[in-house]
Amino acid sequence: MSAVKSYAQALFEISPGATAQHALAATIQVARNVSVLVLENKEFKVLLESPSFSTKEKAEALGAILSKMGSAPLASKWITLIAEKGRASFLDEIANELEKIVAESEGKLVGDVISSEKIEETELKSLAQSFEKKMGKPVFLRQEKDENLLAGLKVTIGGLTYDGTLRTQLDRLKERFVEYKTKGMN
C-alpha cells in the first residue's frame, strides 16, 4: 500500500459513523487548502519539507495556519502528522484518495472528469446523474483541469473511459476521412 493510501485509509478507519462523514469532508477541504498553500508559497513548502527545521517548528507553523483556517482538531492533527513525516506535497493526492475511500464506502463508483476549464458544481452533478443512469449505481465525480485540452471532457469511471475531447473527435474525423479517401481511390 502506498503512503498516500495509507494516510487516507488510516484517517478513514479511525473516523467511523455518520458524523465522521461530515468531519472527513471538512478534513478533505482543509487538506486541499493547505495543499494549495504549499504549492503557491515557496517559503512555506521549504519550511515543511526542509530538514533544517525541527518537527516541532513545522508543527507549530502549520498549527498556527490551521488554527487561522478554523480547522477541526481531527483535521489539524492529521495534516500536521502528514507534514511532520515530510509528505505535505502529497496532501492533495491524499485528500483525493480519502475522498475516493469515503465515496466507495457509501457504495458509489468513483470517476474522474478531465476538462480544459473548471466545471461548475451543478454541471458536475448533472454529469454524475447521467453516468448513474448509465452505470446503474451512484457515481461520485472528481474533476481535474488539463489546460492542454482545447475543449470537451474525458470521464473515467471503473476503468472505462468516455472521451469526448475535441482532440479525440478530430482524430476520429481524420480516421474517417482517410478511410473514405482510401476506399474512394480503390
Protein backbone atom coordinates (compact mmCIF):
# COMPACT_ATOMS: atom_id res chain seq x y z
CA MET A 1 0.00 0.00 0.00
CA SER A 2 1.40 3.41 -0.94
CA ALA A 3 1.93 6.15 1.63
CA VAL A 4 -0.89 8.15 0.04
CA LYS A 5 -3.35 5.28 0.50
CA SER A 6 -2.03 4.51 3.99
CA TYR A 7 -2.64 8.02 5.32
CA ALA A 8 -6.09 8.20 3.74
CA GLN A 9 -7.10 4.73 4.93
CA ALA A 10 -5.83 5.37 8.47
CA LEU A 11 -7.92 8.51 8.85
CA PHE A 12 -10.97 6.78 7.40
CA GLU A 13 -10.62 3.84 9.79
CA ILE A 14 -10.40 6.00 12.91
CA SER A 15 -13.45 8.02 11.83
CA PRO A 16 -16.42 5.62 11.84
CA GLY A 17 -20.05 6.71 11.82
CA ALA A 18 -22.34 9.20 10.14
CA THR A 19 -20.94 12.26 11.92
CA ALA A 20 -17.49 11.24 10.74
CA GLN A 21 -18.57 11.63 7.10
CA HIS A 22 -19.04 15.36 7.68
CA ALA A 23 -15.73 15.61 9.54
CA LEU A 24 -13.97 13.74 6.75
CA ALA A 25 -15.44 16.05 4.11
CA ALA A 26 -14.23 19.07 6.09
CA THR A 27 -10.80 17.45 6.53
CA ILE A 28 -10.55 16.83 2.78
CA GLN A 29 -11.29 20.51 2.12
CA VAL A 30 -8.73 21.70 4.68
CA ALA A 31 -6.13 19.33 3.20
CA ARG A 32 -6.80 20.77 -0.25
CA ASN A 33 -6.47 24.33 1.08
CA VAL A 34 -3.13 23.53 2.74
CA SER A 35 -2.01 21.76 -0.44
CA VAL A 36 -2.68 24.90 -2.47
CA LEU A 37 -0.77 26.92 0.11
CA VAL A 38 2.21 24.54 -0.15
CA LEU A 39 2.17 24.78 -3.96
CA GLU A 40 1.80 28.55 -4.08
CA ASN A 41 4.06 29.59 -1.21
CA LYS A 42 7.67 28.52 -1.74
CA GLU A 43 8.78 29.56 1.76
CA PHE A 44 6.02 27.54 3.39
CA LYS A 45 6.91 24.50 1.29
CA VAL A 46 10.58 24.84 2.29
CA LEU A 47 9.58 25.13 5.96
CA LEU A 48 7.51 21.94 5.82
CA GLU A 49 9.93 19.87 3.75
CA SER A 50 13.35 21.06 4.89
CA PRO A 51 15.32 19.01 7.42
CA SER A 52 16.71 22.34 8.70
CA PHE A 53 13.52 22.89 10.68
CA SER A 54 12.61 20.66 13.58
CA THR A 55 9.41 18.66 13.65
CA LYS A 56 8.25 20.91 16.48
CA GLU A 57 8.83 24.08 14.40
CA LYS A 58 6.96 22.58 11.44
CA ALA A 59 4.06 21.51 13.65
CA GLU A 60 3.85 24.94 15.31
CA ALA A 61 3.85 26.82 11.99
CA LEU A 62 1.29 24.51 10.45
CA GLY A 63 -0.79 24.54 13.64
CA ALA A 64 -0.95 28.35 13.53
CA ILE A 65 -2.12 28.29 9.91
CA LEU A 66 -4.67 25.54 10.56
CA SER A 67 -5.97 27.47 13.56
CA LYS A 68 -6.45 30.61 11.43
CA MET A 69 -8.29 28.44 8.87
CA GLY A 70 -10.65 27.27 11.63
CA SER A 71 -9.64 23.65 11.12
CA ALA A 72 -11.22 20.99 13.32
CA PRO A 73 -8.89 19.17 15.75
CA LEU A 74 -9.06 15.90 13.77
CA ALA A 75 -8.06 17.63 10.53
CA SER A 76 -5.33 19.62 12.25
CA LYS A 77 -3.76 16.57 13.88
CA TRP A 78 -3.92 14.50 10.69
CA ILE A 79 -2.49 17.21 8.42
CA THR A 80 0.23 18.06 10.96
CA LEU A 81 1.22 14.38 11.12
CA ILE A 82 1.49 14.24 7.33
CA ALA A 83 3.64 17.38 7.30
CA GLU A 84 5.83 16.09 10.13
CA LYS A 85 6.51 12.99 8.05
CA GLY A 86 7.63 15.16 5.13
CA ARG A 87 4.61 14.36 2.98
CA ALA A 88 2.97 17.81 2.75
CA SER A 89 3.49 17.92 -1.00
CA PHE A 90 1.25 14.84 -1.25
CA LEU A 91 -1.70 16.38 0.62
CA ASP A 92 -3.83 16.82 -2.50
CA GLU A 93 -3.24 13.21 -3.56
CA ILE A 94 -4.01 12.00 -0.03
CA ALA A 95 -7.20 14.10 0.03
CA ASN A 96 -8.21 12.59 -3.34
CA GLU A 97 -7.62 9.10 -2.03
CA LEU A 98 -9.59 9.81 1.15
CA GLU A 99 -12.44 11.22 -0.94
CA LYS A 100 -12.39 8.02 -3.02
CA ILE A 101 -12.43 5.79 0.07
CA VAL A 102 -15.37 7.73 1.55
CA ALA A 103 -17.35 7.56 -1.72
CA GLU A 104 -16.70 3.83 -2.12
CA SER A 105 -17.77 3.22 1.49
CA GLU A 106 -21.09 4.85 0.52
CA GLY A 107 -21.46 2.39 -2.39
CA LYS A 108 -20.57 4.92 -5.06
CA LEU A 109 -18.47 4.45 -8.15
CA VAL A 110 -15.67 6.99 -8.27
CA GLY A 111 -14.81 8.67 -11.52
CA ASP A 112 -12.52 11.38 -12.77
CA VAL A 113 -13.52 14.15 -15.16
CA ILE A 114 -10.76 15.91 -17.05
CA SER A 115 -11.60 19.20 -18.75
CA SER A 116 -9.86 22.31 -20.01
CA GLU A 117 -11.84 24.54 -17.64
CA LYS A 118 -13.25 24.13 -14.14
CA ILE A 119 -16.72 22.60 -14.29
CA GLU A 120 -19.45 24.27 -12.25
CA GLU A 121 -20.79 22.17 -9.38
CA THR A 122 -24.30 21.97 -10.92
CA GLU A 123 -22.86 20.72 -14.22
CA LEU A 124 -20.72 18.17 -12.41
CA LYS A 125 -23.79 16.88 -10.53
CA SER A 126 -25.75 16.67 -13.77
CA LEU A 127 -22.91 14.74 -15.39
CA ALA A 128 -22.77 12.39 -12.40
CA GLN A 129 -26.53 11.78 -12.68
CA SER A 130 -26.13 10.92 -16.36
CA PHE A 131 -23.45 8.37 -15.53
CA GLU A 132 -25.52 6.99 -12.64
CA LYS A 133 -28.22 6.08 -15.17
CA LYS A 134 -25.64 4.52 -17.48
CA MET A 135 -23.79 2.62 -14.71
CA GLY A 136 -26.77 1.68 -12.55
CA LYS A 137 -25.02 2.85 -9.37
CA PRO A 138 -24.45 6.19 -7.65
CA VAL A 139 -21.43 7.99 -9.10
CA PHE A 140 -19.08 10.43 -7.44
CA LEU A 141 -17.04 12.51 -9.89
CA ARG A 142 -13.81 14.31 -9.12
CA GLN A 143 -12.60 16.91 -11.52
CA GLU A 144 -9.18 17.67 -12.85
CA LYS A 145 -8.18 20.55 -15.06
CA ASP A 146 -5.93 19.92 -18.07
CA GLU A 147 -5.01 23.14 -19.81
CA ASN A 148 -3.67 21.16 -22.78
CA LEU A 149 -7.22 20.19 -23.74
CA LEU A 150 -8.85 22.53 -26.21
CA ALA A 151 -12.43 21.58 -25.37
CA GLY A 152 -14.60 18.69 -24.25
CA LEU A 153 -14.41 16.21 -21.40
CA LYS A 154 -12.76 12.91 -20.62
CA VAL A 155 -14.53 10.83 -17.97
CA THR A 156 -13.08 7.67 -16.45
CA ILE A 157 -15.26 5.50 -14.19
CA GLY A 158 -14.49 1.98 -13.10
CA GLY A 159 -11.73 1.54 -15.66
CA LEU A 160 -13.91 2.73 -18.57
CA THR A 161 -13.03 5.97 -20.32
CA TYR A 162 -15.54 8.10 -22.17
CA ASP A 163 -13.54 10.53 -24.27
CA GLY A 164 -15.43 13.49 -25.65
CA THR A 165 -12.44 15.79 -26.03
CA LEU A 166 -12.00 17.86 -29.16
CA ARG A 167 -8.68 16.10 -29.88
CA THR A 168 -10.39 12.69 -29.93
CA GLN A 169 -13.23 13.99 -32.09
CA LEU A 170 -10.73 15.44 -34.58
CA ASP A 171 -8.74 12.19 -34.60
CA ARG A 172 -11.91 10.20 -35.36
CA LEU A 173 -12.84 12.61 -38.12
CA LYS A 174 -9.35 12.27 -39.57
CA GLU A 175 -9.60 8.45 -39.47
CA ARG A 176 -12.95 8.57 -41.28
CA PHE A 177 -11.57 10.95 -43.87
CA VAL A 178 -8.52 8.75 -44.51
CA GLU A 179 -10.77 5.67 -44.68
CA TYR A 180 -13.13 7.40 -47.12
CA LYS A 181 -10.22 8.66 -49.20
CA THR A 182 -8.61 5.19 -49.26
CA LYS A 183 -11.86 3.50 -50.30
CA GLY A 184 -12.53 6.15 -52.92
CA MET A 185 -9.13 5.58 -54.57
CA ASN A 186 -9.53 1.82 -54.94
